[in-house]
N, C-alpha and C. Protein backbone atom coordinates (compact mmCIF):
# COMPACT_ATOMS: atom_id res chain seq x y z
N UNK A 1 -247.30 177.61 -148.41
CA UNK A 1 -246.34 178.64 -148.00
C UNK A 1 -245.97 178.51 -146.53
N UNK A 2 -246.98 178.23 -145.68
CA UNK A 2 -246.71 178.10 -144.24
C UNK A 2 -245.78 176.94 -143.98
N UNK A 3 -245.97 175.81 -144.68
CA UNK A 3 -245.11 174.65 -144.47
C UNK A 3 -243.67 174.96 -144.88
N UNK A 4 -243.44 175.70 -145.97
CA UNK A 4 -242.10 176.04 -146.41
C UNK A 4 -241.41 176.96 -145.41
N UNK A 5 -242.18 177.91 -144.80
CA UNK A 5 -241.60 178.80 -143.80
C UNK A 5 -241.18 178.03 -142.57
N UNK A 6 -242.02 177.06 -142.14
CA UNK A 6 -241.68 176.27 -140.95
C UNK A 6 -240.40 175.46 -141.19
N UNK A 7 -240.24 174.94 -142.38
CA UNK A 7 -239.06 174.12 -142.67
C UNK A 7 -237.79 174.95 -142.72
N UNK A 8 -237.85 176.24 -143.02
CA UNK A 8 -236.67 177.08 -143.16
C UNK A 8 -236.25 177.76 -141.87
N UNK A 9 -236.92 177.42 -140.75
CA UNK A 9 -236.57 178.08 -139.48
C UNK A 9 -235.21 177.64 -138.96
N UNK A 10 -234.66 176.47 -139.34
CA UNK A 10 -233.38 175.98 -138.85
C UNK A 10 -233.54 175.20 -137.56
N UNK A 11 -232.40 175.05 -136.82
CA UNK A 11 -232.39 174.28 -135.58
C UNK A 11 -232.97 175.08 -134.43
N UNK A 12 -233.59 174.36 -133.53
CA UNK A 12 -234.09 174.99 -132.31
C UNK A 12 -232.95 175.15 -131.32
N UNK A 13 -233.15 175.93 -130.29
CA UNK A 13 -232.13 176.15 -129.26
C UNK A 13 -231.76 174.85 -128.57
N UNK A 14 -232.75 174.02 -128.30
CA UNK A 14 -232.49 172.74 -127.64
C UNK A 14 -231.61 171.86 -128.52
N UNK A 15 -231.91 171.84 -129.82
CA UNK A 15 -231.11 171.03 -130.73
C UNK A 15 -229.66 171.52 -130.78
N UNK A 16 -229.47 172.84 -130.77
CA UNK A 16 -228.12 173.40 -130.78
C UNK A 16 -227.37 173.04 -129.51
N UNK A 17 -228.06 173.14 -128.36
CA UNK A 17 -227.43 172.80 -127.08
C UNK A 17 -227.05 171.33 -127.03
N UNK A 18 -227.93 170.48 -127.53
CA UNK A 18 -227.63 169.04 -127.55
C UNK A 18 -226.41 168.78 -128.43
N UNK A 19 -226.37 169.43 -129.59
CA UNK A 19 -225.23 169.24 -130.50
C UNK A 19 -223.93 169.72 -129.86
N UNK A 20 -224.00 170.88 -129.17
CA UNK A 20 -222.81 171.39 -128.49
C UNK A 20 -222.36 170.46 -127.37
N UNK A 21 -223.32 169.90 -126.63
CA UNK A 21 -222.98 168.97 -125.55
C UNK A 21 -222.30 167.72 -126.10
N UNK A 22 -222.82 167.21 -127.22
CA UNK A 22 -222.21 166.03 -127.84
C UNK A 22 -220.79 166.35 -128.32
N UNK A 23 -220.64 167.53 -128.95
CA UNK A 23 -219.32 167.94 -129.44
C UNK A 23 -218.34 168.10 -128.29
N UNK A 24 -218.81 168.70 -127.18
CA UNK A 24 -217.94 168.87 -126.01
C UNK A 24 -217.52 167.53 -125.44
N UNK A 25 -218.46 166.60 -125.37
CA UNK A 25 -218.14 165.26 -124.85
C UNK A 25 -217.11 164.57 -125.73
N UNK A 26 -217.29 164.67 -127.04
CA UNK A 26 -216.33 164.07 -127.96
C UNK A 26 -214.95 164.71 -127.84
N UNK A 27 -214.93 166.05 -127.66
CA UNK A 27 -213.66 166.75 -127.50
C UNK A 27 -212.93 166.32 -126.24
N UNK A 28 -213.69 166.22 -125.13
CA UNK A 28 -213.09 165.78 -123.86
C UNK A 28 -212.56 164.36 -123.97
N UNK A 29 -213.36 163.50 -124.59
CA UNK A 29 -212.93 162.11 -124.75
C UNK A 29 -211.66 162.02 -125.60
N UNK A 30 -211.63 162.80 -126.68
CA UNK A 30 -210.44 162.79 -127.55
C UNK A 30 -209.22 163.32 -126.80
N UNK A 31 -209.41 164.37 -125.98
CA UNK A 31 -208.30 164.91 -125.20
C UNK A 31 -207.79 163.89 -124.19
N UNK A 32 -208.72 163.20 -123.53
CA UNK A 32 -208.32 162.19 -122.55
C UNK A 32 -207.53 161.06 -123.21
N UNK A 33 -207.98 160.64 -124.38
CA UNK A 33 -207.25 159.59 -125.09
C UNK A 33 -205.86 160.08 -125.48
N UNK A 34 -205.77 161.31 -126.02
CA UNK A 34 -204.48 161.86 -126.41
C UNK A 34 -203.56 162.03 -125.21
N UNK A 35 -204.13 162.52 -124.09
CA UNK A 35 -203.33 162.70 -122.88
C UNK A 35 -202.80 161.36 -122.36
N UNK A 36 -203.65 160.33 -122.42
CA UNK A 36 -203.22 159.01 -121.97
C UNK A 36 -202.11 158.46 -122.86
N UNK A 37 -202.25 158.69 -124.16
CA UNK A 37 -201.21 158.24 -125.09
C UNK A 37 -199.89 158.95 -124.80
N UNK A 38 -199.97 160.27 -124.56
CA UNK A 38 -198.75 161.03 -124.26
C UNK A 38 -198.12 160.56 -122.96
N UNK A 39 -198.96 160.32 -121.93
CA UNK A 39 -198.43 159.84 -120.65
C UNK A 39 -197.79 158.46 -120.80
N UNK A 40 -198.44 157.61 -121.58
CA UNK A 40 -197.87 156.28 -121.81
C UNK A 40 -196.54 156.37 -122.54
N UNK A 41 -196.45 157.33 -123.47
CA UNK A 41 -195.21 157.52 -124.21
C UNK A 41 -194.09 158.00 -123.29
N UNK A 42 -194.43 158.93 -122.37
CA UNK A 42 -193.44 159.43 -121.41
C UNK A 42 -192.97 158.31 -120.49
N UNK A 43 -193.93 157.52 -119.98
CA UNK A 43 -193.58 156.39 -119.11
C UNK A 43 -192.70 155.39 -119.85
N UNK A 44 -193.04 155.14 -121.11
CA UNK A 44 -192.25 154.20 -121.91
C UNK A 44 -190.83 154.71 -122.12
N UNK A 45 -190.70 156.01 -122.40
CA UNK A 45 -189.37 156.59 -122.58
C UNK A 45 -188.56 156.54 -121.30
N UNK A 46 -189.21 156.87 -120.16
CA UNK A 46 -188.52 156.82 -118.88
C UNK A 46 -188.08 155.40 -118.55
N UNK A 47 -188.95 154.43 -118.83
CA UNK A 47 -188.61 153.03 -118.59
C UNK A 47 -187.44 152.60 -119.47
N UNK A 48 -187.46 153.04 -120.72
CA UNK A 48 -186.37 152.69 -121.64
C UNK A 48 -185.05 153.31 -121.18
N UNK A 49 -185.10 154.57 -120.73
CA UNK A 49 -183.90 155.23 -120.23
C UNK A 49 -183.38 154.52 -118.99
N UNK A 50 -184.29 154.12 -118.11
CA UNK A 50 -183.89 153.43 -116.88
C UNK A 50 -183.22 152.09 -117.19
N UNK A 51 -183.82 151.34 -118.10
CA UNK A 51 -183.22 150.07 -118.48
C UNK A 51 -181.84 150.28 -119.11
N UNK A 52 -181.71 151.33 -119.90
CA UNK A 52 -180.41 151.65 -120.49
C UNK A 52 -179.38 151.98 -119.43
N UNK A 53 -179.82 152.72 -118.40
CA UNK A 53 -178.92 153.06 -117.29
C UNK A 53 -178.44 151.80 -116.56
N UNK A 54 -179.37 150.89 -116.30
CA UNK A 54 -179.03 149.65 -115.60
C UNK A 54 -178.09 148.79 -116.44
N UNK A 55 -178.40 148.64 -117.72
CA UNK A 55 -177.57 147.81 -118.60
C UNK A 55 -176.17 148.38 -118.74
N UNK A 56 -176.06 149.70 -118.83
CA UNK A 56 -174.74 150.33 -118.96
C UNK A 56 -173.92 150.14 -117.69
N UNK A 57 -174.57 150.31 -116.53
CA UNK A 57 -173.87 150.12 -115.26
C UNK A 57 -173.37 148.69 -115.11
N UNK A 58 -174.21 147.73 -115.46
CA UNK A 58 -173.82 146.32 -115.34
C UNK A 58 -172.69 145.98 -116.31
N UNK A 59 -172.71 146.58 -117.49
CA UNK A 59 -171.65 146.32 -118.46
C UNK A 59 -170.30 146.82 -117.94
N UNK A 60 -170.30 147.98 -117.30
CA UNK A 60 -169.06 148.52 -116.73
C UNK A 60 -168.57 147.64 -115.59
N UNK A 61 -169.49 147.22 -114.73
CA UNK A 61 -169.11 146.34 -113.63
C UNK A 61 -168.59 145.00 -114.15
N UNK A 62 -169.24 144.46 -115.17
CA UNK A 62 -168.78 143.21 -115.77
C UNK A 62 -167.33 143.33 -116.22
N UNK A 63 -167.02 144.43 -116.90
CA UNK A 63 -165.67 144.64 -117.41
C UNK A 63 -164.66 144.74 -116.27
N UNK A 64 -165.02 145.45 -115.20
CA UNK A 64 -164.10 145.63 -114.07
C UNK A 64 -163.83 144.32 -113.34
N UNK A 65 -164.88 143.65 -112.92
CA UNK A 65 -164.71 142.47 -112.08
C UNK A 65 -164.11 141.30 -112.84
N UNK A 66 -164.44 141.17 -114.11
CA UNK A 66 -163.91 140.05 -114.88
C UNK A 66 -162.44 140.21 -115.24
N UNK A 67 -161.93 141.44 -115.13
CA UNK A 67 -160.52 141.69 -115.44
C UNK A 67 -159.73 142.07 -114.19
N UNK A 68 -160.18 141.61 -113.04
CA UNK A 68 -159.49 141.89 -111.79
C UNK A 68 -158.05 141.38 -111.84
N UNK A 69 -157.12 142.21 -111.37
CA UNK A 69 -155.70 141.88 -111.45
C UNK A 69 -155.15 141.49 -110.08
N UNK A 70 -154.30 140.47 -110.08
CA UNK A 70 -153.62 140.06 -108.85
C UNK A 70 -152.37 140.92 -108.69
N UNK A 71 -152.57 142.13 -108.17
CA UNK A 71 -151.47 143.09 -108.03
C UNK A 71 -151.62 143.87 -106.75
N UNK A 72 -150.51 144.04 -106.04
CA UNK A 72 -150.51 144.93 -104.88
C UNK A 72 -150.61 146.37 -105.35
N UNK A 73 -151.12 147.26 -104.49
CA UNK A 73 -151.23 148.66 -104.89
C UNK A 73 -151.08 149.57 -103.67
N UNK A 74 -150.64 150.78 -103.97
CA UNK A 74 -150.50 151.81 -102.94
C UNK A 74 -151.76 152.66 -102.94
N UNK A 75 -152.19 153.04 -101.75
CA UNK A 75 -153.38 153.89 -101.62
C UNK A 75 -153.05 155.06 -100.71
N UNK A 76 -153.33 156.28 -101.19
CA UNK A 76 -153.07 157.50 -100.42
C UNK A 76 -151.60 157.60 -99.99
N UNK A 77 -150.69 157.17 -100.87
CA UNK A 77 -149.27 157.31 -100.61
C UNK A 77 -148.68 156.32 -99.63
N UNK A 78 -149.48 155.40 -99.13
CA UNK A 78 -148.97 154.42 -98.18
C UNK A 78 -148.18 153.32 -98.90
N UNK A 79 -147.46 152.51 -98.12
CA UNK A 79 -146.74 151.39 -98.70
C UNK A 79 -147.74 150.39 -99.29
N UNK A 80 -147.31 149.63 -100.29
CA UNK A 80 -148.23 148.64 -100.87
C UNK A 80 -148.76 147.68 -99.82
N UNK A 81 -150.06 147.47 -99.83
CA UNK A 81 -150.66 146.54 -98.89
C UNK A 81 -150.50 145.11 -99.36
N UNK A 82 -150.54 144.20 -98.40
CA UNK A 82 -150.41 142.78 -98.76
C UNK A 82 -151.69 142.25 -99.40
N UNK A 83 -152.82 142.91 -99.12
CA UNK A 83 -154.08 142.47 -99.70
C UNK A 83 -154.20 142.96 -101.14
N UNK A 84 -154.71 142.11 -101.99
CA UNK A 84 -154.93 142.47 -103.39
C UNK A 84 -156.31 143.04 -103.62
N UNK A 85 -157.16 142.92 -102.65
CA UNK A 85 -158.54 143.41 -102.72
C UNK A 85 -158.94 143.90 -101.34
N UNK A 86 -159.52 145.09 -101.29
CA UNK A 86 -160.04 145.64 -100.04
C UNK A 86 -161.56 145.66 -100.10
N UNK A 87 -162.17 145.26 -99.02
CA UNK A 87 -163.64 145.28 -98.94
C UNK A 87 -164.04 145.45 -97.49
N UNK A 88 -164.71 146.57 -97.19
CA UNK A 88 -165.15 146.81 -95.82
C UNK A 88 -166.19 147.93 -95.80
N UNK A 89 -166.92 148.02 -94.70
CA UNK A 89 -167.91 149.08 -94.53
C UNK A 89 -167.20 150.43 -94.47
N UNK A 90 -167.77 151.42 -95.16
CA UNK A 90 -167.22 152.77 -95.12
C UNK A 90 -166.03 153.00 -96.03
N UNK A 91 -165.55 151.96 -96.72
CA UNK A 91 -164.42 152.14 -97.63
C UNK A 91 -164.81 153.10 -98.75
N UNK A 92 -163.91 154.02 -99.07
CA UNK A 92 -164.15 155.06 -100.09
C UNK A 92 -165.31 155.97 -99.69
N UNK A 93 -165.52 156.11 -98.37
CA UNK A 93 -166.62 156.93 -97.83
C UNK A 93 -167.99 156.40 -98.21
N UNK A 94 -168.06 155.12 -98.48
CA UNK A 94 -169.34 154.50 -98.83
C UNK A 94 -170.28 154.48 -97.63
N UNK A 95 -171.57 154.65 -97.89
CA UNK A 95 -172.57 154.57 -96.83
C UNK A 95 -172.87 153.14 -96.45
N UNK A 96 -172.39 152.20 -97.22
CA UNK A 96 -172.48 150.79 -96.85
C UNK A 96 -171.11 150.18 -97.13
N UNK A 97 -171.05 148.98 -97.66
CA UNK A 97 -169.77 148.36 -97.95
C UNK A 97 -169.16 148.96 -99.22
N UNK A 98 -167.84 149.09 -99.23
CA UNK A 98 -167.13 149.53 -100.42
C UNK A 98 -166.11 148.48 -100.81
N UNK A 99 -165.68 148.51 -102.05
CA UNK A 99 -164.72 147.53 -102.54
C UNK A 99 -163.69 148.24 -103.41
N UNK A 100 -162.44 147.76 -103.37
CA UNK A 100 -161.34 148.40 -104.09
C UNK A 100 -160.37 147.33 -104.59
N UNK A 101 -159.98 147.43 -105.86
CA UNK A 101 -159.07 146.45 -106.45
C UNK A 101 -158.45 147.05 -107.72
N UNK A 102 -157.53 146.31 -108.32
CA UNK A 102 -156.95 146.72 -109.60
C UNK A 102 -157.47 145.81 -110.71
N UNK A 103 -157.40 146.32 -111.93
CA UNK A 103 -157.90 145.54 -113.06
C UNK A 103 -157.03 145.76 -114.28
N UNK A 104 -157.01 144.76 -115.14
CA UNK A 104 -156.32 144.84 -116.43
C UNK A 104 -157.24 145.54 -117.44
N UNK A 105 -156.69 145.70 -118.65
CA UNK A 105 -157.56 146.03 -119.77
C UNK A 105 -157.61 147.48 -120.19
N UNK A 106 -156.85 148.38 -119.51
CA UNK A 106 -156.86 149.77 -119.97
C UNK A 106 -155.83 149.87 -121.09
N UNK A 107 -156.30 149.89 -122.31
CA UNK A 107 -155.45 149.74 -123.48
C UNK A 107 -154.44 150.89 -123.58
N UNK A 108 -153.20 150.53 -123.79
CA UNK A 108 -152.11 151.49 -124.00
C UNK A 108 -151.35 151.06 -125.26
N UNK A 109 -151.89 151.38 -126.45
CA UNK A 109 -151.31 150.86 -127.70
C UNK A 109 -149.87 151.29 -127.89
N UNK A 110 -149.00 150.30 -128.10
CA UNK A 110 -147.58 150.52 -128.34
C UNK A 110 -146.93 151.36 -127.24
N UNK A 111 -147.50 151.28 -126.03
CA UNK A 111 -146.97 151.99 -124.86
C UNK A 111 -146.76 153.48 -125.15
N UNK A 112 -147.75 154.11 -125.78
CA UNK A 112 -147.64 155.52 -126.14
C UNK A 112 -147.72 156.43 -124.92
N UNK A 113 -148.35 155.96 -123.85
CA UNK A 113 -148.52 156.79 -122.67
C UNK A 113 -147.66 156.25 -121.53
N UNK A 114 -147.21 157.13 -120.63
CA UNK A 114 -146.34 156.70 -119.53
C UNK A 114 -147.11 155.98 -118.42
N UNK A 115 -147.68 154.86 -118.75
CA UNK A 115 -148.46 154.09 -117.79
C UNK A 115 -148.57 152.66 -118.30
N UNK A 116 -149.00 151.77 -117.43
CA UNK A 116 -149.26 150.40 -117.84
C UNK A 116 -150.70 150.23 -118.27
N UNK A 117 -151.15 148.99 -118.28
CA UNK A 117 -152.53 148.72 -118.68
C UNK A 117 -153.38 148.34 -117.47
N UNK A 118 -152.89 148.65 -116.26
CA UNK A 118 -153.62 148.33 -115.03
C UNK A 118 -154.07 149.62 -114.35
N UNK A 119 -155.32 149.66 -113.95
CA UNK A 119 -155.85 150.81 -113.21
C UNK A 119 -156.46 150.31 -111.91
N UNK A 120 -156.74 151.24 -111.03
CA UNK A 120 -157.38 150.91 -109.75
C UNK A 120 -158.83 151.39 -109.78
N UNK A 121 -159.75 150.54 -109.36
CA UNK A 121 -161.17 150.89 -109.37
C UNK A 121 -161.82 150.51 -108.04
N UNK A 122 -162.86 151.22 -107.71
CA UNK A 122 -163.62 150.91 -106.51
C UNK A 122 -165.08 151.24 -106.71
N UNK A 123 -165.91 150.70 -105.84
CA UNK A 123 -167.35 150.94 -105.89
C UNK A 123 -167.85 151.32 -104.51
N UNK A 124 -168.79 152.27 -104.49
CA UNK A 124 -169.35 152.74 -103.23
C UNK A 124 -170.80 153.17 -103.42
N UNK A 125 -171.50 153.32 -102.30
CA UNK A 125 -172.90 153.76 -102.33
C UNK A 125 -173.01 155.09 -101.60
N UNK A 126 -173.47 156.12 -102.33
CA UNK A 126 -173.63 157.47 -101.78
C UNK A 126 -175.01 157.99 -102.16
N UNK A 127 -175.83 158.33 -101.15
CA UNK A 127 -177.15 158.93 -101.40
C UNK A 127 -177.97 158.11 -102.41
N UNK A 128 -178.07 156.80 -102.16
CA UNK A 128 -178.83 155.89 -103.02
C UNK A 128 -178.32 155.89 -104.46
N UNK A 129 -177.04 156.16 -104.60
CA UNK A 129 -176.43 156.21 -105.93
C UNK A 129 -175.17 155.34 -105.91
N UNK A 130 -175.09 154.40 -106.84
CA UNK A 130 -173.89 153.57 -106.98
C UNK A 130 -172.87 154.34 -107.79
N UNK A 131 -171.68 154.50 -107.21
CA UNK A 131 -170.63 155.26 -107.88
C UNK A 131 -169.40 154.38 -108.12
N UNK A 132 -168.78 154.61 -109.25
CA UNK A 132 -167.50 153.96 -109.58
C UNK A 132 -166.40 155.00 -109.40
N UNK A 133 -165.40 154.67 -108.61
CA UNK A 133 -164.25 155.55 -108.40
C UNK A 133 -163.04 154.87 -109.02
N UNK A 134 -162.31 155.59 -109.84
CA UNK A 134 -161.16 154.97 -110.50
C UNK A 134 -159.97 155.92 -110.58
N UNK A 135 -158.81 155.31 -110.69
CA UNK A 135 -157.54 156.03 -110.77
C UNK A 135 -156.78 155.56 -112.00
N UNK A 136 -156.07 156.46 -112.64
CA UNK A 136 -155.31 156.11 -113.84
C UNK A 136 -154.13 155.21 -113.53
N UNK A 137 -153.68 155.26 -112.29
CA UNK A 137 -152.54 154.44 -111.89
C UNK A 137 -152.93 153.63 -110.65
N UNK A 138 -152.41 152.42 -110.50
CA UNK A 138 -152.74 151.61 -109.33
C UNK A 138 -152.10 152.12 -108.04
N UNK A 139 -150.99 152.83 -108.15
CA UNK A 139 -150.31 153.38 -106.97
C UNK A 139 -150.55 154.88 -106.93
N UNK A 140 -151.26 155.34 -105.92
CA UNK A 140 -151.67 156.74 -105.87
C UNK A 140 -151.10 157.42 -104.63
N UNK A 141 -150.97 158.74 -104.71
CA UNK A 141 -150.39 159.53 -103.63
C UNK A 141 -151.49 160.05 -102.71
N UNK A 142 -151.08 160.61 -101.59
CA UNK A 142 -152.02 161.17 -100.64
C UNK A 142 -152.80 162.32 -101.28
N UNK A 143 -154.09 162.37 -101.02
CA UNK A 143 -154.93 163.42 -101.56
C UNK A 143 -155.54 163.12 -102.91
N UNK A 144 -155.14 162.02 -103.52
CA UNK A 144 -155.72 161.63 -104.81
C UNK A 144 -156.97 160.78 -104.55
N UNK A 145 -158.12 161.43 -104.64
CA UNK A 145 -159.39 160.76 -104.33
C UNK A 145 -160.02 160.07 -105.53
N UNK A 146 -159.34 160.10 -106.66
CA UNK A 146 -159.84 159.38 -107.82
C UNK A 146 -160.88 160.15 -108.60
N UNK A 147 -161.31 159.55 -109.69
CA UNK A 147 -162.33 160.13 -110.57
C UNK A 147 -163.65 159.41 -110.31
N UNK A 148 -164.66 160.17 -109.95
CA UNK A 148 -165.95 159.59 -109.56
C UNK A 148 -166.89 159.58 -110.76
N UNK A 149 -167.50 158.44 -110.99
CA UNK A 149 -168.49 158.31 -112.07
C UNK A 149 -169.76 157.70 -111.51
N UNK A 150 -170.85 158.47 -111.41
CA UNK A 150 -172.12 157.89 -110.98
C UNK A 150 -172.62 156.87 -112.01
N UNK A 151 -173.01 155.69 -111.52
CA UNK A 151 -173.44 154.63 -112.43
C UNK A 151 -174.93 154.36 -112.38
N UNK A 152 -175.49 154.36 -111.17
CA UNK A 152 -176.86 153.86 -111.03
C UNK A 152 -177.56 154.59 -109.89
N UNK A 153 -178.80 155.03 -110.14
CA UNK A 153 -179.59 155.71 -109.13
C UNK A 153 -180.65 154.77 -108.55
N UNK A 154 -181.35 155.24 -107.53
CA UNK A 154 -182.42 154.48 -106.87
C UNK A 154 -181.90 153.14 -106.33
N UNK A 155 -180.70 153.18 -105.77
CA UNK A 155 -180.10 151.96 -105.21
C UNK A 155 -180.36 151.93 -103.71
N UNK A 156 -181.08 150.92 -103.25
CA UNK A 156 -181.35 150.79 -101.83
C UNK A 156 -180.17 150.20 -101.08
N UNK A 157 -179.50 149.23 -101.68
CA UNK A 157 -178.37 148.59 -101.00
C UNK A 157 -177.49 147.88 -102.02
N UNK A 158 -176.25 147.65 -101.60
CA UNK A 158 -175.32 146.84 -102.39
C UNK A 158 -174.52 145.98 -101.44
N UNK A 159 -174.24 144.77 -101.84
CA UNK A 159 -173.46 143.86 -101.00
C UNK A 159 -172.55 143.01 -101.88
N UNK A 160 -171.45 142.58 -101.28
CA UNK A 160 -170.48 141.74 -101.99
C UNK A 160 -170.22 140.48 -101.18
N UNK A 161 -170.06 139.37 -101.88
CA UNK A 161 -169.61 138.12 -101.27
C UNK A 161 -168.45 137.58 -102.09
N UNK A 162 -167.50 136.99 -101.40
CA UNK A 162 -166.31 136.48 -102.06
C UNK A 162 -166.22 134.98 -101.85
N UNK A 163 -165.93 134.26 -102.92
CA UNK A 163 -165.82 132.81 -102.84
C UNK A 163 -164.36 132.41 -102.75
N UNK A 164 -164.02 131.72 -101.65
CA UNK A 164 -162.63 131.32 -101.44
C UNK A 164 -162.61 130.09 -100.53
N UNK A 165 -161.76 129.14 -100.88
CA UNK A 165 -161.65 127.90 -100.10
C UNK A 165 -163.01 127.22 -99.93
N UNK A 166 -163.76 127.16 -101.02
CA UNK A 166 -165.03 126.42 -101.08
C UNK A 166 -166.13 127.02 -100.20
N UNK A 167 -166.07 128.33 -99.96
CA UNK A 167 -167.15 128.95 -99.19
C UNK A 167 -167.25 130.44 -99.55
N UNK A 168 -168.46 130.97 -99.33
CA UNK A 168 -168.71 132.39 -99.56
C UNK A 168 -168.47 133.15 -98.26
N UNK A 169 -167.74 134.27 -98.35
CA UNK A 169 -167.45 135.09 -97.17
C UNK A 169 -167.79 136.54 -97.47
N UNK A 170 -168.07 137.31 -96.42
CA UNK A 170 -168.39 138.73 -96.56
C UNK A 170 -167.28 139.63 -96.02
N UNK A 171 -166.20 139.03 -95.57
CA UNK A 171 -165.03 139.78 -95.13
C UNK A 171 -163.80 139.23 -95.83
N UNK A 172 -162.82 140.11 -96.07
CA UNK A 172 -161.65 139.67 -96.80
C UNK A 172 -160.38 140.23 -96.16
N UNK A 173 -159.55 139.33 -95.68
CA UNK A 173 -158.27 139.72 -95.09
C UNK A 173 -157.13 138.87 -95.64
N UNK A 174 -157.43 138.03 -96.62
CA UNK A 174 -156.39 137.17 -97.19
C UNK A 174 -155.35 138.01 -97.93
N UNK A 175 -154.10 137.62 -97.80
CA UNK A 175 -153.00 138.38 -98.38
C UNK A 175 -152.41 137.64 -99.58
N UNK A 176 -152.10 138.41 -100.61
CA UNK A 176 -151.43 137.85 -101.77
C UNK A 176 -152.30 136.97 -102.64
N UNK A 177 -153.60 137.02 -102.45
CA UNK A 177 -154.48 136.16 -103.23
C UNK A 177 -155.82 136.87 -103.45
N UNK A 178 -156.44 136.59 -104.57
CA UNK A 178 -157.78 137.07 -104.87
C UNK A 178 -158.78 135.94 -104.66
N UNK A 179 -160.05 136.26 -104.46
CA UNK A 179 -161.06 135.20 -104.39
C UNK A 179 -161.24 134.55 -105.75
N UNK A 180 -161.81 133.35 -105.73
CA UNK A 180 -162.07 132.66 -107.01
C UNK A 180 -163.28 133.24 -107.73
N UNK A 181 -164.17 133.88 -106.97
CA UNK A 181 -165.37 134.48 -107.56
C UNK A 181 -165.86 135.61 -106.67
N UNK A 182 -166.59 136.53 -107.28
CA UNK A 182 -167.19 137.65 -106.55
C UNK A 182 -168.67 137.71 -106.89
N UNK A 183 -169.50 137.78 -105.86
CA UNK A 183 -170.95 137.96 -106.04
C UNK A 183 -171.32 139.39 -105.68
N UNK A 184 -172.00 140.07 -106.59
CA UNK A 184 -172.45 141.44 -106.36
C UNK A 184 -173.98 141.45 -106.38
N UNK A 185 -174.58 141.93 -105.30
CA UNK A 185 -176.04 142.01 -105.21
C UNK A 185 -176.45 143.47 -105.04
N UNK A 186 -177.26 143.95 -105.96
CA UNK A 186 -177.76 145.32 -105.93
C UNK A 186 -179.28 145.29 -105.79
N UNK A 187 -179.79 146.03 -104.83
CA UNK A 187 -181.24 146.13 -104.65
C UNK A 187 -181.71 147.50 -105.10
N UNK A 188 -182.56 147.52 -106.14
CA UNK A 188 -183.09 148.76 -106.70
C UNK A 188 -184.51 149.00 -106.22
N UNK A 189 -184.88 150.26 -106.12
CA UNK A 189 -186.23 150.61 -105.68
C UNK A 189 -187.29 150.15 -106.67
N UNK A 190 -186.97 150.23 -107.96
CA UNK A 190 -187.99 149.95 -108.98
C UNK A 190 -187.89 148.55 -109.57
N UNK A 191 -186.71 147.96 -109.64
CA UNK A 191 -186.56 146.66 -110.28
C UNK A 191 -186.17 145.55 -109.31
N UNK A 192 -186.12 145.87 -108.04
CA UNK A 192 -185.82 144.82 -107.07
C UNK A 192 -184.35 144.43 -107.07
N UNK A 193 -184.09 143.16 -106.83
CA UNK A 193 -182.73 142.67 -106.61
C UNK A 193 -182.09 142.13 -107.88
N UNK A 194 -180.85 142.54 -108.11
CA UNK A 194 -180.05 142.06 -109.23
C UNK A 194 -178.77 141.45 -108.66
N UNK A 195 -178.45 140.24 -109.08
CA UNK A 195 -177.23 139.59 -108.60
C UNK A 195 -176.37 139.15 -109.79
N UNK A 196 -175.08 139.43 -109.68
CA UNK A 196 -174.12 139.00 -110.69
C UNK A 196 -173.00 138.24 -109.99
N UNK A 197 -172.52 137.18 -110.62
CA UNK A 197 -171.40 136.41 -110.09
C UNK A 197 -170.29 136.40 -111.14
N UNK A 198 -169.09 136.80 -110.72
CA UNK A 198 -167.95 136.89 -111.63
C UNK A 198 -166.87 135.91 -111.20
N UNK A 199 -166.40 135.12 -112.14
CA UNK A 199 -165.27 134.23 -111.90
C UNK A 199 -163.98 135.01 -112.11
N UNK A 200 -163.04 134.84 -111.19
CA UNK A 200 -161.78 135.58 -111.24
C UNK A 200 -160.66 134.64 -111.68
N UNK A 201 -159.99 135.01 -112.76
CA UNK A 201 -158.86 134.20 -113.23
C UNK A 201 -157.55 134.76 -112.68
N UNK A 202 -156.53 133.90 -112.55
CA UNK A 202 -155.24 134.35 -112.04
C UNK A 202 -155.34 134.92 -110.66
N UNK A 203 -155.98 134.19 -109.75
CA UNK A 203 -156.29 134.74 -108.43
C UNK A 203 -155.11 134.82 -107.48
N UNK A 204 -153.99 134.18 -107.83
CA UNK A 204 -152.82 134.23 -106.96
C UNK A 204 -151.80 135.23 -107.49
N UNK A 205 -151.10 135.87 -106.56
CA UNK A 205 -150.09 136.86 -106.92
C UNK A 205 -148.80 136.16 -107.32
N UNK A 206 -148.37 136.38 -108.56
CA UNK A 206 -147.12 135.78 -109.01
C UNK A 206 -145.95 136.67 -108.62
N UNK A 207 -144.75 136.13 -108.69
CA UNK A 207 -143.56 136.91 -108.34
C UNK A 207 -143.37 138.08 -109.29
N UNK A 208 -143.71 137.88 -110.56
CA UNK A 208 -143.54 138.96 -111.54
C UNK A 208 -144.49 140.10 -111.25
N UNK A 209 -145.74 139.79 -110.84
CA UNK A 209 -146.69 140.83 -110.49
C UNK A 209 -146.27 141.55 -109.22
N UNK A 210 -145.74 140.81 -108.26
CA UNK A 210 -145.35 141.41 -106.99
C UNK A 210 -144.23 142.42 -107.16
N UNK A 211 -143.39 142.21 -108.17
CA UNK A 211 -142.26 143.11 -108.37
C UNK A 211 -142.60 144.33 -109.19
N UNK A 212 -143.83 144.37 -109.76
CA UNK A 212 -144.21 145.51 -110.60
C UNK A 212 -144.67 146.68 -109.75
């Protein structure tokens, strides 16, 4: 009888405390694993979103630069300039170099809208943000500051080089002609330096384009 009573006493206090300590340790470990998985998932999603942002920005730039048009344009209501491309520090209120040109490719099916297929686009750097500024028409009036589209964040710097007469230059004053190629270098805080080189077709201004 004494042996049966001893066996039915259950767990001792020490045994219960040990079991609770083990359970608590397992719970903490499981929480840490779950938390790490969640953090990894958040980091992965942020990285995926960032890559998507970069790829989208580069795709837009690819479309703009590859369809650069050899056309004079009016800016802020002034007479058409002789230069087909503008590039200088502070252009478009950029905190570094800015660039401005016209491009083909804005589809106007069967000429349904009172415009051509050429628009004016520019790029600038504002508050570590690469912005695309564009106008529906290549010839704009005073006070028309264009439509601003932020493209890329965490941008440390942007620079342009133009290839003309067998050399790369960082200034452009040539009249009636486009460069044969444009190099765009973007330095990002997280992904470092990205460089793209675009070949420009139809780099000289024809008489038909000059009269448009």
